[in-house]
Protein backbone atom coordinates (compact mmCIF):
# COMPACT_ATOMS: atom_id res chain seq x y z
CA MET A 1 91.79 -21.25 -124.87
CA ILE A 2 91.78 -18.60 -122.12
CA PHE A 3 90.18 -16.08 -124.48
CA ALA A 4 87.41 -18.58 -125.32
CA VAL A 5 86.76 -19.20 -121.62
CA ARG A 6 86.58 -15.44 -121.03
CA ALA A 7 84.10 -15.02 -123.89
CA ILE A 8 81.88 -17.79 -122.53
CA MET A 9 82.01 -16.46 -118.97
CA VAL A 10 81.16 -12.90 -120.05
CA SER A 11 78.23 -14.21 -122.11
CA LEU A 12 76.99 -16.27 -119.17
CA ALA A 13 77.39 -13.31 -116.81
CA PHE A 14 75.32 -11.11 -119.13
CA PHE A 15 72.74 -13.89 -119.40
CA ALA A 16 72.46 -14.04 -115.59
CA LEU A 17 71.94 -10.26 -115.34
CA LEU A 18 69.47 -10.04 -118.22
CA TYR A 19 67.48 -13.14 -117.24
CA THR A 20 67.15 -11.99 -113.64
CA SER A 21 66.08 -8.50 -114.71
CA LEU A 22 63.52 -9.71 -117.25
CA SER A 23 62.13 -12.29 -114.82
CA LEU A 24 61.69 -9.65 -112.12
CA ILE A 25 59.91 -7.42 -114.64
CA LEU A 26 57.67 -10.36 -115.60
CA VAL A 27 56.80 -11.00 -111.94
CA LEU A 28 55.95 -7.32 -111.40
CA VAL A 29 53.86 -7.16 -114.58
CA TRP A 30 51.98 -10.33 -113.67
CA THR A 31 51.39 -9.09 -110.12
CA GLN A 32 49.85 -5.87 -111.40
CA TRP A 33 47.92 -7.10 -114.45
CA SER A 34 47.40 -10.84 -113.86
CA ARG A 35 43.60 -10.65 -114.18
CA LYS A 36 43.70 -8.81 -117.50
CA LEU A 37 46.46 -10.99 -118.96
CA ASP A 38 44.74 -14.16 -117.75
CA LYS A 39 41.56 -13.22 -119.62
CA CYS A 40 43.08 -11.95 -122.88
CA LEU A 41 45.91 -14.46 -123.43
CA PRO A 42 45.36 -18.08 -124.58
CA PRO A 43 47.43 -20.87 -122.98
CA ASP A 44 50.11 -20.61 -125.69
CA GLY A 45 50.34 -16.87 -125.04
CA LEU A 46 50.77 -17.45 -121.30
CA PHE A 47 53.41 -20.08 -122.04
CA MET A 48 55.36 -17.74 -124.32
CA LEU A 49 55.10 -14.98 -121.71
CA ARG A 50 56.54 -17.33 -119.06
CA VAL A 51 59.51 -18.50 -121.14
CA ALA A 52 60.20 -15.12 -122.76
CA PRO A 53 62.84 -13.99 -120.19
CA PHE A 54 64.89 -17.14 -120.74
CA GLY A 55 64.46 -17.15 -124.53
CA ILE A 56 65.39 -13.48 -124.92
CA SER A 57 68.33 -13.73 -122.53
CA ALA A 58 69.71 -16.86 -124.19
CA ALA A 59 69.33 -15.41 -127.71
CA VAL A 60 70.96 -12.08 -126.86
CA SER A 61 73.82 -13.70 -124.93
CA LEU A 62 74.57 -16.32 -127.59
CA LEU A 63 73.92 -14.36 -130.78
CA LEU A 64 74.98 -10.83 -129.80
CA ILE A 65 77.11 -10.70 -126.64
CA LEU A 66 79.36 -13.62 -127.54
CA PRO A 67 80.12 -12.43 -131.13
CA SER A 68 80.66 -8.83 -129.97
CA PHE A 69 83.18 -10.01 -127.38
CA VAL A 70 85.06 -12.07 -129.95
CA VAL A 71 85.20 -9.17 -132.42
CA PHE A 72 85.98 -6.21 -130.15
CA GLU A 73 87.57 -7.53 -126.97
CA THR A 74 91.32 -7.55 -126.49
CA HIS A 75 93.20 -10.61 -125.36
CA SER A 76 94.26 -8.98 -122.12
CA MET A 77 92.47 -10.16 -119.01
CA ASP A 78 90.35 -7.27 -117.67
CA GLU A 79 87.37 -9.08 -116.07
CA ASP A 80 87.11 -9.11 -112.31
CA LEU A 81 85.82 -11.78 -109.95
CA GLY A 82 82.21 -10.61 -110.30
CA THR A 83 82.12 -11.71 -113.95
CA PHE A 84 83.10 -15.25 -113.08
CA VAL A 85 80.70 -15.36 -110.12
CA LEU A 86 77.81 -14.33 -112.39
CA GLY A 87 78.91 -16.86 -115.02
CA ILE A 88 79.03 -19.64 -112.44
CA CYS A 89 75.56 -18.61 -111.20
CA ALA A 90 74.22 -18.95 -114.76
CA VAL A 91 75.78 -22.41 -115.09
CA LEU A 92 74.34 -23.45 -111.72
CA PHE A 93 70.90 -22.21 -112.75
CA VAL A 94 70.98 -24.39 -115.88
CA PHE A 95 72.24 -27.47 -114.04
CA VAL A 96 69.79 -27.07 -111.16
CA GLY A 97 66.95 -26.78 -113.67
CA LEU A 98 68.07 -29.91 -115.50
CA PHE A 99 68.45 -31.73 -112.17
CA ARG A 100 64.88 -30.77 -111.20
CA VAL A 101 63.60 -32.13 -114.49
CA VAL A 102 65.49 -35.42 -114.10
CA VAL A 103 64.24 -35.89 -110.52
CA ALA A 104 60.66 -35.12 -111.57
CA GLU A 105 60.91 -37.51 -114.51
CA VAL A 106 62.21 -40.33 -112.28
CA ARG A 107 59.40 -39.80 -109.77
CA THR A 108 56.79 -39.65 -112.51
CA ARG A 109 58.05 -42.87 -114.08
CA ARG A 110 58.01 -44.64 -110.72
CA ILE A 111 54.41 -43.62 -110.04
CA VAL A 112 53.28 -44.43 -113.58
CA LYS A 113 55.01 -47.83 -113.47
CA ALA A 114 53.09 -48.71 -110.30
CA CYS A 115 49.83 -47.52 -111.89
CA LEU A 116 50.36 -49.64 -115.00
CA GLU A 117 50.55 -52.95 -113.14
CA GLY A 118 47.69 -55.10 -114.41
CA ALA A 119 46.64 -52.52 -117.01
CA VAL A 120 44.76 -53.50 -120.15
CA GLU A 121 44.49 -51.60 -123.41
CA PHE A 122 41.61 -49.22 -123.97
CA LYS A 123 40.64 -49.82 -127.58
CA SER A 124 39.58 -46.82 -129.62
CA ALA A 125 40.74 -46.23 -133.18
CA ASP A 126 40.98 -42.43 -133.06
CA ILE A 127 42.40 -41.93 -129.56
CA THR A 128 46.00 -41.69 -128.33
CA PRO A 129 47.19 -45.00 -126.76
CA ALA A 130 45.29 -45.46 -123.52
CA VAL A 131 45.08 -48.13 -120.82
CA ILE A 132 42.65 -49.10 -118.08
CA THR A 133 44.31 -49.93 -114.77
CA PRO A 134 43.07 -51.12 -111.37
CA LYS A 135 45.61 -48.91 -109.53
CA THR A 136 45.96 -45.19 -110.24
CA ILE A 137 46.17 -41.94 -108.29
CA SER A 138 43.75 -40.14 -110.61
CA PRO A 139 40.46 -41.14 -112.27
CA LEU A 140 41.97 -40.26 -115.63
CA MET A 141 45.30 -38.65 -116.55
CA ALA A 142 47.68 -38.01 -119.43
CA VAL A 143 51.27 -38.99 -118.66
CA GLY A 144 54.63 -38.98 -120.38
CA ILE A 145 56.55 -36.79 -122.81
CA ARG A 146 58.46 -39.07 -125.19
CA VAL A 147 56.03 -41.99 -124.84
CA PRO A 148 52.67 -40.40 -123.96
CA ARG A 149 49.66 -42.40 -122.87
CA ILE A 150 46.34 -41.93 -121.14
CA VAL A 151 45.73 -43.85 -117.91
CA ILE A 152 42.13 -44.62 -116.94
CA SER A 153 41.10 -46.15 -113.62
CA GLN A 154 38.76 -49.13 -113.62
CA SER A 155 36.28 -47.24 -111.45
CA THR A 156 36.17 -44.42 -114.03
CA HIS A 157 35.48 -46.97 -116.76
CA HIS A 158 32.49 -48.26 -114.77
CA ILE A 159 31.15 -44.88 -113.61
CA LEU A 160 31.07 -43.10 -116.95
CA SER A 161 28.96 -43.96 -119.94
CA ASP A 162 30.68 -44.71 -123.24
CA GLY A 163 30.08 -41.19 -124.55
CA GLU A 164 31.29 -39.56 -121.34
CA LEU A 165 34.42 -41.73 -121.23
CA LEU A 166 35.30 -40.97 -124.85
CA ALA A 167 34.83 -37.25 -124.24
CA ALA A 168 37.09 -37.39 -121.19
CA VAL A 169 39.76 -39.36 -123.07
CA ARG A 170 39.60 -36.90 -125.97
CA HIS A 171 40.22 -34.10 -123.48
CA GLU A 172 43.40 -35.77 -122.23
CA ALA A 173 44.45 -36.51 -125.81
CA GLN A 174 44.30 -32.77 -126.50
CA HIS A 175 46.79 -32.20 -123.67
CA LEU A 176 49.15 -34.69 -125.27
CA ARG A 177 48.76 -33.13 -128.73
CA ALA A 178 49.52 -29.70 -127.24
CA ARG A 179 52.60 -31.21 -125.51
CA ASP A 180 51.45 -29.78 -122.20
CA ASN A 181 53.61 -32.20 -120.21
CA LEU A 182 56.65 -30.92 -122.09
CA LYS A 183 55.63 -27.36 -121.23
CA LYS A 184 55.35 -28.39 -117.58
CA ALA A 185 58.89 -29.77 -117.82
CA ILE A 186 60.10 -26.42 -119.18
CA PHE A 187 58.39 -24.60 -116.32
CA ASN A 188 60.04 -26.99 -113.89
CA CYS A 189 63.43 -26.31 -115.46
CA LEU A 190 63.03 -22.51 -115.42
CA ALA A 191 61.83 -22.14 -111.84
CA PHE A 192 61.92 -18.53 -110.61
CA PRO A 193 60.38 -17.00 -107.46
CA GLY A 194 57.04 -15.30 -108.07
CA THR A 195 56.07 -17.11 -111.27
CA ALA A 196 53.86 -19.76 -109.67
CA GLY A 197 50.74 -17.66 -110.29
CA LEU A 198 51.50 -17.37 -114.01
CA GLU A 199 52.08 -21.12 -114.27
CA ALA A 200 48.82 -21.83 -112.43
CA ALA A 201 46.99 -19.50 -114.82
CA TRP A 202 48.49 -21.39 -117.76
CA GLN A 203 47.30 -24.67 -116.23
CA LYS A 204 43.72 -23.41 -115.95
CA ALA A 205 43.78 -21.95 -119.46
CA ALA A 206 45.19 -25.22 -120.83
CA GLU A 207 42.31 -27.15 -119.23
CA LEU A 208 39.70 -24.84 -120.74
CA SER A 209 41.41 -25.01 -124.13
CA ALA A 210 41.55 -28.82 -124.02
CA ASP A 211 37.86 -28.94 -123.10
CA ASN A 212 36.97 -26.75 -126.06
CA SER A 213 39.18 -28.70 -128.49
CA ALA A 214 37.86 -32.06 -127.31
CA VAL A 215 34.22 -31.37 -128.21
CA SER A 216 32.72 -30.67 -131.60
CA SER A 217 29.02 -30.84 -130.80
CA ARG A 218 26.56 -29.94 -128.08
CA ARG A 219 26.20 -33.59 -127.18
CA GLU A 220 29.93 -34.08 -126.69
CA ALA A 221 30.10 -30.93 -124.55
CA LEU A 222 27.35 -32.27 -122.30
CA ASP A 223 29.08 -35.68 -122.08
CA LEU A 224 32.35 -34.05 -120.97
CA ALA A 225 30.52 -31.84 -118.46
CA ALA A 226 28.78 -34.91 -117.03
CA ALA A 227 32.12 -36.74 -116.77
CA LEU A 228 33.65 -33.82 -114.86
CA ILE A 229 30.71 -33.66 -112.46
CA LYS A 230 30.69 -37.42 -111.78
CA LEU A 231 34.45 -37.73 -111.30
CA SER A 232 34.80 -34.56 -109.22
CA ARG A 233 32.48 -36.10 -106.64
CA ARG A 234 34.71 -39.16 -106.32
CA SER A 235 38.12 -37.58 -106.80
CA SER A 236 40.41 -37.44 -103.74
CA HIS A 237 42.59 -34.70 -105.34
CA GLN A 238 45.83 -36.56 -104.78
CA THR A 239 49.09 -34.88 -105.77
CA MET A 240 49.77 -35.55 -109.43
CA PRO A 241 53.20 -36.47 -110.80
CA VAL A 242 54.98 -33.43 -112.25
CA PHE A 243 54.80 -34.72 -115.82
CA ALA A 244 51.16 -35.78 -115.75
CA ILE A 245 47.88 -33.93 -116.19
CA GLY A 246 44.72 -35.19 -114.50
CA LEU A 247 41.20 -34.64 -115.75
CA ILE A 248 40.09 -33.27 -112.36
CA ASN A 249 41.93 -30.44 -110.62
CA ASP A 250 40.60 -28.12 -107.92
CA SER A 251 36.84 -27.76 -107.49
CA GLU A 252 36.74 -24.07 -108.49
CA ALA A 253 38.47 -24.74 -111.83
CA THR A 254 36.22 -27.75 -112.45
CA ALA A 255 33.10 -25.66 -111.83
CA LYS A 256 34.29 -23.06 -114.34
CA ARG A 257 34.96 -25.77 -116.93
CA VAL A 258 31.51 -27.28 -116.45
CA GLU A 259 29.95 -23.84 -116.82
CA GLN A 260 31.84 -23.28 -120.08
CA LEU A 261 30.81 -26.67 -121.45
CA LEU A 262 27.14 -26.16 -120.59
CA ALA A 263 27.26 -22.84 -122.47
CA TRP A 264 29.11 -24.41 -125.44
CA LYS A 265 28.26 -23.14 -128.92
CA GLU A 266 29.80 -24.13 -132.21
CA ALA A 267 32.58 -21.73 -133.19
CA SER A 268 31.95 -19.87 -136.41
CA GLU A 269 35.63 -19.64 -137.24
CA VAL A 270 38.78 -21.19 -135.85
CA ALA A 271 41.37 -18.58 -135.02
CA SER A 272 44.69 -19.04 -136.76
CA ASP A 273 47.86 -19.27 -134.72
CA ARG A 274 50.24 -18.84 -137.62
CA TRP A 275 51.10 -15.36 -136.34
CA ARG A 276 53.32 -17.01 -133.74
CA TYR A 277 55.52 -18.56 -136.40
CA ALA A 278 55.64 -15.25 -138.27
CA VAL A 279 56.80 -13.44 -135.13
CA LEU A 280 59.48 -16.04 -134.46
CA ALA A 281 60.68 -15.85 -138.06
CA VAL A 282 60.91 -12.04 -137.91
CA CYS A 283 62.82 -12.18 -134.61
CA ALA A 284 65.24 -14.76 -136.02
CA ALA A 285 65.78 -12.64 -139.14
CA CYS A 286 66.45 -9.53 -137.05
CA LEU A 287 69.01 -11.38 -134.91
CA ALA A 288 70.69 -12.79 -138.01
CA VAL A 289 70.98 -9.29 -139.52
CA ALA A 290 72.18 -7.84 -136.22
CA MET A 291 74.99 -10.39 -136.04
CA LYS A 292 76.27 -9.10 -139.39
CA LEU A 293 76.19 -5.42 -138.44
CA GLY A 294 79.36 -4.22 -136.80
CA LEU A 295 77.59 -1.17 -135.35
CA VAL A 296 75.09 -3.35 -133.52
CA LEU A 297 77.80 -5.64 -132.17
CA SER A 298 79.79 -2.59 -131.08
CA LEU A 299 76.74 -1.27 -129.24
CA PHE A 300 76.21 -4.56 -127.40
CA HIS A 301 79.91 -4.74 -126.57
CA THR A 302 79.63 -1.27 -124.99
CA ILE A 303 76.58 -2.43 -123.03
CA THR A 304 78.49 -5.47 -121.85
CA GLU A 305 81.42 -3.35 -120.71
CA ARG A 306 79.01 -1.11 -118.80
CA PHE A 307 77.00 -3.76 -116.96
CA VAL A 308 79.26 -6.81 -116.66
CA PRO A 309 82.02 -6.33 -114.05
């Protein structure tokens, strides 16, 4: 029992060191090359970049550090207080992140519940479940993770034409299909100083991507651009719930989206994103092989002995 606790604490301590180091490197890289990365990476690339420190740290700690400790470590207690302090810090980080998510979810549900009072269904055969409500903090927003829906204000329903409203709803439906609210929850769970700029860049890229995915013709692009212009003039830019995405954000981002839509042209070829699954499969295979190689486990055990107190 004591040996198992030691193994877990050493793994957590290594996780705390590696995650902090990788996150600091990410912050420095983003600070230096944010403009270049923002332009060349799609929203999924920015998301993977943001969660990479946690994913790498968790995989190495669980699949390499823990097995190497079990195989090579003696049963004599040789860890000092620093190991347990780092392990406790890792546990606190996880619990604080989960607590932030729970609090944000409760607040989002409370706001959405108030918005849904007196709501009626918005009927459209090919659109994610949507409702029209007399009370809402945003002209149009996508809310929820497990039970997603699109909330439309009555004023939006009256202001926009049928084509403009459908284009706007399709935009929000793209956010739900991309599980952007879930990604926001992950960001909220993995809060780290200095990463706000990267998360804001992901938000802007996600909006542009949803705009592009929501339109398939020049007419639809113009309808969505018109909807953005009309609603931006009436939007009060109220603070959105954490797990909700509104159609209108800041005026600068909206202007860029309108500009992109007005310049819309039909894509000649849709880029494939299967490379992401190939990369993940290769990484998983490498970790699986590494777990079976005693030399690799011995190397990581030596690294652990060097860096973990």
